[in-house]
């Protein structure tokens, strides 16, 4: 009987964890898959950004992708992917409540 109760509790905890993780995304937020479809790149890369909670780390990701974007050929798939990373980082910064990075136009690194 005791073993069965622990199993039921474990299932309830797992279910609660899944429900909470699903509730953290509102209908207006994009998914890793939607960023990858729009900008190219790996959904795993975007997933890492979308789960980051550190403002400092998000700013590092944003700044690195901005510099890479500015060094790539305009209109190239590489530039589009870096734009996606910049966009995902900016979106996540806003969701987490971090300061907005200073915008630098493409080509002005």
Protein backbone atom coordinates (compact mmCIF):
# COMPACT_ATOMS: atom_id res chain seq x y z
CA UNK A 1 0.00 0.00 0.00
CA UNK A 2 2.78 2.43 0.90
CA UNK A 3 4.60 1.78 -2.40
CA UNK A 4 1.41 2.53 -4.34
CA UNK A 5 0.96 5.85 -2.50
CA UNK A 6 4.51 6.90 -3.37
CA UNK A 7 3.87 6.04 -7.02
CA UNK A 8 0.70 8.13 -7.05
CA UNK A 9 2.52 11.05 -5.45
CA UNK A 10 5.37 10.77 -7.97
CA UNK A 11 2.92 10.83 -10.88
CA UNK A 12 1.15 13.86 -9.41
CA UNK A 13 4.44 15.74 -8.97
CA UNK A 14 5.52 14.96 -12.53
CA UNK A 15 2.13 16.06 -13.86
CA UNK A 16 2.33 19.31 -11.91
CA UNK A 17 5.84 19.96 -13.26
CA UNK A 18 4.65 19.46 -16.83
CA UNK A 19 1.64 21.71 -16.28
CA UNK A 20 3.79 24.47 -14.78
CA UNK A 21 6.35 24.29 -17.58
CA UNK A 22 3.61 24.57 -20.16
CA UNK A 23 2.03 27.51 -18.39
CA UNK A 24 5.21 29.60 -18.56
CA UNK A 25 4.62 30.27 -22.24
CA UNK A 26 1.82 32.68 -23.01
CA UNK A 27 0.01 32.71 -26.31
CA UNK A 28 2.05 35.71 -27.50
CA UNK A 29 5.44 34.09 -26.92
CA UNK A 30 7.23 32.33 -29.73
CA UNK A 31 8.61 28.82 -29.51
CA UNK A 32 12.09 27.60 -30.39
CA UNK A 33 10.59 25.88 -33.43
CA UNK A 34 8.89 29.08 -34.64
CA UNK A 35 12.16 31.05 -34.39
CA UNK A 36 13.98 28.32 -36.34
CA UNK A 37 11.26 28.28 -39.00
CA UNK A 38 11.32 32.06 -39.38
CA UNK A 39 15.06 32.74 -39.13
CA UNK A 40 16.81 29.41 -39.67
CA UNK A 41 19.17 27.73 -37.27
CA UNK A 42 18.59 25.01 -34.72
CA UNK A 43 15.53 24.92 -32.47
CA UNK A 44 17.91 23.70 -29.72
CA UNK A 45 19.84 26.98 -29.88
CA UNK A 46 16.66 28.99 -29.53
CA UNK A 47 15.43 26.70 -26.75
CA UNK A 48 18.56 27.48 -24.75
CA UNK A 49 17.83 31.21 -25.08
CA UNK A 50 14.14 30.80 -24.24
CA UNK A 51 14.98 29.00 -20.99
CA UNK A 52 17.71 31.41 -19.86
CA UNK A 53 16.93 33.47 -16.75
CA UNK A 54 20.18 35.41 -16.38
CA UNK A 55 20.05 38.94 -17.74
CA UNK A 56 23.84 38.98 -18.01
CA UNK A 57 23.93 35.77 -20.06
CA UNK A 58 21.10 36.94 -22.31
CA UNK A 59 22.94 40.22 -22.94
CA UNK A 60 26.11 38.26 -23.80
CA UNK A 61 24.17 36.10 -26.28
CA UNK A 62 22.56 39.21 -27.77
CA UNK A 63 25.84 41.10 -28.13
CA UNK A 64 27.71 38.16 -29.66
CA UNK A 65 24.93 37.47 -32.17
CA UNK A 66 24.74 41.20 -33.02
CA UNK A 67 28.47 41.28 -33.80
CA UNK A 68 28.23 38.09 -35.86
CA UNK A 69 25.19 39.44 -37.73
CA UNK A 70 27.07 42.61 -38.59
CA UNK A 71 30.03 40.65 -39.99
CA UNK A 72 28.00 38.40 -42.29
CA UNK A 73 26.88 39.03 -45.84
CA UNK A 74 23.64 41.04 -45.92
CA UNK A 75 20.69 38.82 -46.78
CA UNK A 76 22.64 35.59 -46.29
CA UNK A 77 21.22 32.65 -44.34
CA UNK A 78 23.93 33.20 -41.72
CA UNK A 79 22.88 36.80 -41.20
CA UNK A 80 19.23 35.76 -40.97
CA UNK A 81 20.06 33.15 -38.32
CA UNK A 82 22.05 35.68 -36.26
CA UNK A 83 19.12 38.09 -36.55
CA UNK A 84 16.93 35.31 -35.15
CA UNK A 85 19.25 34.84 -32.19
CA UNK A 86 19.28 38.61 -31.55
CA UNK A 87 15.48 38.70 -31.77
CA UNK A 88 15.04 35.70 -29.46
CA UNK A 89 17.44 37.20 -26.92
CA UNK A 90 15.64 40.56 -27.03
CA UNK A 91 12.27 38.86 -26.61
CA UNK A 92 13.55 36.79 -23.68
CA UNK A 93 15.17 39.85 -22.05
CA UNK A 94 11.77 41.56 -22.09
CA UNK A 95 9.98 38.51 -20.67
CA UNK A 96 12.50 38.07 -17.85
CA UNK A 97 12.36 41.81 -17.10
CA UNK A 98 15.94 42.67 -18.02
CA UNK A 99 17.13 46.05 -19.31
CA UNK A 100 16.83 46.41 -23.06
CA UNK A 101 20.17 46.36 -24.90
CA UNK A 102 21.26 49.41 -26.85
CA UNK A 103 20.32 48.81 -30.48
CA UNK A 104 23.08 48.83 -33.06
CA UNK A 105 21.99 48.96 -36.70
CA UNK A 106 23.13 46.20 -39.01
CA UNK A 107 26.59 46.91 -40.39
CA UNK A 108 27.67 49.31 -37.65
CA UNK A 109 29.70 47.07 -35.37
